[in-house]
N, C-alpha and C. Protein backbone atom coordinates (compact mmCIF):
# COMPACT_ATOMS: atom_id res chain seq x y z
N MET A 1 110.05 127.47 77.52
CA MET A 1 110.25 126.14 78.04
C MET A 1 109.00 125.32 77.75
N SER A 2 109.18 124.09 77.34
CA SER A 2 108.05 123.21 77.08
C SER A 2 107.94 122.20 78.22
N VAL A 3 106.71 121.90 78.60
CA VAL A 3 106.42 121.04 79.73
C VAL A 3 105.49 119.92 79.28
N ALA A 4 105.77 118.71 79.72
CA ALA A 4 104.86 117.58 79.50
C ALA A 4 104.36 117.13 80.86
N ILE A 5 103.05 117.13 81.04
CA ILE A 5 102.44 116.69 82.28
C ILE A 5 101.81 115.33 82.03
N VAL A 6 102.25 114.33 82.79
CA VAL A 6 101.77 112.97 82.62
C VAL A 6 100.98 112.59 83.87
N GLY A 7 99.72 112.24 83.66
CA GLY A 7 98.84 111.92 84.77
C GLY A 7 97.98 113.11 85.12
N GLY A 8 97.38 113.09 86.29
CA GLY A 8 96.52 114.18 86.70
C GLY A 8 95.06 113.86 86.46
N ASN A 9 94.22 114.83 86.75
CA ASN A 9 92.78 114.67 86.60
C ASN A 9 92.34 115.19 85.24
N GLU A 10 91.48 114.43 84.60
CA GLU A 10 91.02 114.79 83.26
C GLU A 10 90.28 116.12 83.25
N CYS A 11 89.51 116.40 84.30
CA CYS A 11 88.75 117.65 84.34
C CYS A 11 89.64 118.86 84.61
N MET A 12 90.88 118.64 85.04
CA MET A 12 91.80 119.74 85.33
C MET A 12 92.76 120.03 84.18
N GLU A 13 92.63 119.33 83.09
CA GLU A 13 93.56 119.43 81.97
C GLU A 13 93.72 120.88 81.48
N ARG A 14 92.63 121.58 81.28
CA ARG A 14 92.67 122.97 80.81
C ARG A 14 93.35 123.88 81.84
N ARG A 15 93.10 123.65 83.13
CA ARG A 15 93.72 124.46 84.18
C ARG A 15 95.23 124.22 84.25
N TYR A 16 95.68 122.98 84.01
CA TYR A 16 97.11 122.70 83.97
C TYR A 16 97.78 123.51 82.86
N ILE A 17 97.18 123.52 81.70
CA ILE A 17 97.73 124.25 80.55
C ILE A 17 97.76 125.75 80.83
N ASP A 18 96.68 126.28 81.39
CA ASP A 18 96.62 127.72 81.70
C ASP A 18 97.64 128.11 82.76
N THR A 19 97.85 127.26 83.75
CA THR A 19 98.84 127.56 84.79
C THR A 19 100.24 127.59 84.20
N CYS A 20 100.57 126.65 83.35
CA CYS A 20 101.89 126.63 82.72
C CYS A 20 102.08 127.86 81.84
N ARG A 21 101.02 128.29 81.17
CA ARG A 21 101.09 129.48 80.32
C ARG A 21 101.40 130.72 81.16
N LYS A 22 100.89 130.79 82.39
CA LYS A 22 101.17 131.92 83.28
C LYS A 22 102.66 132.02 83.59
N TYR A 23 103.34 130.90 83.58
CA TYR A 23 104.78 130.88 83.85
C TYR A 23 105.61 130.97 82.56
N GLY A 24 104.97 131.23 81.46
CA GLY A 24 105.67 131.39 80.19
C GLY A 24 106.08 130.08 79.55
N CYS A 25 105.38 129.01 79.86
CA CYS A 25 105.72 127.69 79.33
C CYS A 25 104.58 127.16 78.47
N LYS A 26 104.96 126.33 77.52
CA LYS A 26 103.98 125.66 76.68
C LYS A 26 103.84 124.23 77.22
N ALA A 27 102.59 123.82 77.47
CA ALA A 27 102.37 122.53 78.12
C ALA A 27 101.55 121.59 77.25
N ARG A 28 101.86 120.30 77.38
CA ARG A 28 101.06 119.23 76.81
C ARG A 28 100.70 118.32 77.97
N VAL A 29 99.45 117.91 78.02
CA VAL A 29 98.96 117.09 79.13
C VAL A 29 98.55 115.72 78.60
N TYR A 30 99.07 114.68 79.23
CA TYR A 30 98.75 113.30 78.87
C TYR A 30 98.07 112.66 80.07
N VAL A 31 96.75 112.73 80.12
CA VAL A 31 96.00 112.16 81.23
C VAL A 31 95.74 110.68 80.97
N LYS A 32 95.38 110.36 79.75
CA LYS A 32 95.13 108.98 79.36
C LYS A 32 96.08 108.60 78.23
N SER A 33 96.37 107.33 78.14
CA SER A 33 97.21 106.84 77.07
C SER A 33 96.36 106.68 75.82
N ARG A 34 96.60 107.55 74.84
CA ARG A 34 95.85 107.51 73.59
C ARG A 34 96.82 107.28 72.44
N GLY A 35 96.69 106.17 71.78
CA GLY A 35 97.55 105.90 70.64
C GLY A 35 98.98 105.65 71.04
N ASP A 36 99.88 105.98 70.17
CA ASP A 36 101.30 105.76 70.39
C ASP A 36 101.89 106.96 71.11
N MET A 37 102.00 106.89 72.42
CA MET A 37 102.47 108.02 73.23
C MET A 37 103.93 108.36 72.94
N THR A 38 104.75 107.38 72.60
CA THR A 38 106.16 107.65 72.33
C THR A 38 106.32 108.55 71.11
N ARG A 39 105.45 108.37 70.13
CA ARG A 39 105.53 109.18 68.92
C ARG A 39 105.02 110.60 69.16
N ARG A 40 104.03 110.76 70.03
CA ARG A 40 103.40 112.06 70.28
C ARG A 40 104.09 112.86 71.38
N PHE A 41 105.02 112.27 72.12
CA PHE A 41 105.59 112.90 73.30
C PHE A 41 106.45 114.11 72.96
N GLY A 42 107.20 114.06 71.90
CA GLY A 42 108.06 115.18 71.52
C GLY A 42 109.32 115.23 72.36
N SER A 43 109.85 116.44 72.56
CA SER A 43 111.06 116.60 73.38
C SER A 43 110.90 117.78 74.33
N PRO A 44 110.19 117.58 75.42
CA PRO A 44 109.97 118.68 76.38
C PRO A 44 111.22 118.95 77.22
N ASP A 45 111.27 120.13 77.83
CA ASP A 45 112.37 120.48 78.72
C ASP A 45 112.12 119.98 80.14
N LEU A 46 110.85 119.86 80.53
CA LEU A 46 110.46 119.44 81.87
C LEU A 46 109.32 118.44 81.77
N VAL A 47 109.44 117.32 82.46
CA VAL A 47 108.39 116.31 82.51
C VAL A 47 107.90 116.23 83.95
N ILE A 48 106.59 116.44 84.14
CA ILE A 48 105.98 116.37 85.46
C ILE A 48 105.12 115.12 85.51
N LEU A 49 105.42 114.24 86.47
CA LEU A 49 104.66 113.01 86.65
C LEU A 49 103.81 113.13 87.90
N PHE A 50 102.50 113.05 87.75
CA PHE A 50 101.60 112.98 88.89
C PHE A 50 101.40 111.49 89.17
N THR A 51 102.15 110.97 90.13
CA THR A 51 102.31 109.52 90.29
C THR A 51 101.06 108.80 90.76
N THR A 52 100.15 109.44 91.47
CA THR A 52 98.97 108.73 91.96
C THR A 52 97.94 108.48 90.87
N THR A 53 97.97 109.26 89.81
CA THR A 53 96.94 109.16 88.78
C THR A 53 97.47 108.71 87.43
N VAL A 54 98.62 108.05 87.42
CA VAL A 54 99.19 107.60 86.16
C VAL A 54 99.44 106.09 86.23
N SER A 55 99.24 105.41 85.11
CA SER A 55 99.49 103.97 85.07
C SER A 55 100.99 103.70 84.99
N HIS A 56 101.36 102.48 85.33
CA HIS A 56 102.77 102.10 85.28
C HIS A 56 103.31 102.16 83.85
N LYS A 57 102.49 101.78 82.89
CA LYS A 57 102.92 101.80 81.50
C LYS A 57 103.20 103.23 81.03
N MET A 58 102.29 104.17 81.37
CA MET A 58 102.51 105.57 80.99
C MET A 58 103.73 106.15 81.69
N LYS A 59 103.93 105.78 82.95
CA LYS A 59 105.09 106.26 83.70
C LYS A 59 106.38 105.78 83.05
N ASP A 60 106.42 104.50 82.68
CA ASP A 60 107.62 103.95 82.05
C ASP A 60 107.91 104.62 80.71
N ILE A 61 106.88 104.87 79.92
CA ILE A 61 107.07 105.53 78.63
C ILE A 61 107.56 106.96 78.84
N ALA A 62 106.96 107.67 79.78
CA ALA A 62 107.36 109.06 80.05
C ALA A 62 108.79 109.14 80.54
N MET A 63 109.18 108.23 81.42
CA MET A 63 110.55 108.23 81.93
C MET A 63 111.56 107.94 80.81
N ALA A 64 111.24 106.99 79.96
CA ALA A 64 112.14 106.65 78.85
C ALA A 64 112.27 107.81 77.88
N GLU A 65 111.16 108.47 77.55
CA GLU A 65 111.19 109.59 76.62
C GLU A 65 111.91 110.79 77.25
N ALA A 66 111.74 111.01 78.54
CA ALA A 66 112.42 112.12 79.22
C ALA A 66 113.93 111.91 79.22
N LYS A 67 114.36 110.68 79.46
CA LYS A 67 115.79 110.38 79.43
C LYS A 67 116.35 110.52 78.02
N ARG A 68 115.54 110.15 77.01
CA ARG A 68 115.98 110.24 75.62
C ARG A 68 116.28 111.68 75.23
N CYS A 69 115.44 112.62 75.69
CA CYS A 69 115.62 114.01 75.29
C CYS A 69 116.26 114.86 76.40
N ASN A 70 116.85 114.22 77.41
CA ASN A 70 117.55 114.90 78.50
C ASN A 70 116.68 115.95 79.20
N ALA A 71 115.44 115.59 79.47
CA ALA A 71 114.51 116.50 80.14
C ALA A 71 114.64 116.36 81.66
N ILE A 72 114.25 117.40 82.36
CA ILE A 72 114.19 117.36 83.82
C ILE A 72 112.93 116.58 84.19
N ILE A 73 113.06 115.65 85.13
CA ILE A 73 111.92 114.84 85.56
C ILE A 73 111.55 115.24 86.98
N GLU A 74 110.28 115.59 87.15
CA GLU A 74 109.77 116.00 88.46
C GLU A 74 108.59 115.10 88.79
N CYS A 75 108.71 114.30 89.85
CA CYS A 75 107.63 113.42 90.28
C CYS A 75 106.91 114.04 91.47
N CYS A 76 105.59 113.98 91.45
CA CYS A 76 104.78 114.57 92.50
C CYS A 76 103.64 113.61 92.84
N HIS A 77 103.43 113.38 94.12
CA HIS A 77 102.39 112.46 94.55
C HIS A 77 101.00 113.06 94.35
N SER A 78 100.88 114.36 94.53
CA SER A 78 99.59 115.03 94.40
C SER A 78 99.44 115.59 93.00
N SER A 79 98.20 115.64 92.51
CA SER A 79 97.95 116.21 91.19
C SER A 79 97.13 117.50 91.32
N SER A 80 97.36 118.24 92.40
CA SER A 80 96.60 119.47 92.66
C SER A 80 97.24 120.66 91.95
N MET A 81 96.49 121.76 91.89
CA MET A 81 97.00 122.98 91.27
C MET A 81 98.15 123.56 92.08
N SER A 82 98.06 123.50 93.41
CA SER A 82 99.13 124.05 94.24
C SER A 82 100.43 123.26 94.05
N ALA A 83 100.33 121.96 93.86
CA ALA A 83 101.53 121.15 93.60
C ALA A 83 102.15 121.55 92.26
N LEU A 84 101.32 121.75 91.25
CA LEU A 84 101.83 122.19 89.94
C LEU A 84 102.47 123.57 90.04
N GLN A 85 101.85 124.48 90.76
CA GLN A 85 102.40 125.83 90.91
C GLN A 85 103.74 125.81 91.63
N GLN A 86 103.90 124.96 92.63
CA GLN A 86 105.19 124.85 93.33
C GLN A 86 106.27 124.34 92.39
N ILE A 87 105.95 123.35 91.59
CA ILE A 87 106.92 122.81 90.64
C ILE A 87 107.30 123.88 89.61
N MET A 88 106.32 124.59 89.11
CA MET A 88 106.58 125.63 88.11
C MET A 88 107.42 126.77 88.71
N GLU A 89 107.18 127.14 89.95
CA GLU A 89 107.99 128.18 90.59
C GLU A 89 109.43 127.74 90.75
N GLN A 90 109.65 126.47 91.06
CA GLN A 90 111.01 125.94 91.21
C GLN A 90 111.79 126.01 89.90
N HIS A 91 111.12 125.71 88.79
CA HIS A 91 111.82 125.58 87.51
C HIS A 91 111.69 126.80 86.60
N CYS A 92 110.68 127.64 86.81
CA CYS A 92 110.44 128.75 85.89
C CYS A 92 110.45 130.11 86.57
N GLY A 93 110.51 130.15 87.88
CA GLY A 93 110.50 131.44 88.58
C GLY A 93 109.09 131.92 88.85
N VAL A 94 108.94 133.23 88.99
CA VAL A 94 107.64 133.82 89.32
C VAL A 94 106.76 133.89 88.07
N PRO A 95 105.44 133.82 88.24
CA PRO A 95 104.55 133.87 87.07
C PRO A 95 104.53 135.24 86.42
N GLU A 96 104.27 135.23 85.11
CA GLU A 96 104.13 136.49 84.37
C GLU A 96 102.76 137.07 84.64
N VAL A 97 102.64 138.38 84.48
CA VAL A 97 101.36 139.03 84.74
C VAL A 97 100.47 138.99 83.54
């Protein structure tokens, strides 16, 4: 399963990727809007929006791209590791060892 994480803390980017890998998922993290995000977004299976740390423009682009590729959209107010782990458990089950 591929995951796109939009928003979050820049210093936590590597930890987000590692946490998704524990659940058997490949993750891309978009903390800042760099270049043409619509072209780089791809077609993930799950889109996680950390709503407190994302701009309105990035949110709108992520929502449009998620609808385009029929991805599951999960919005979360917190951008903490425990919030990410709860979302991953809901959609991917228990983590791999």
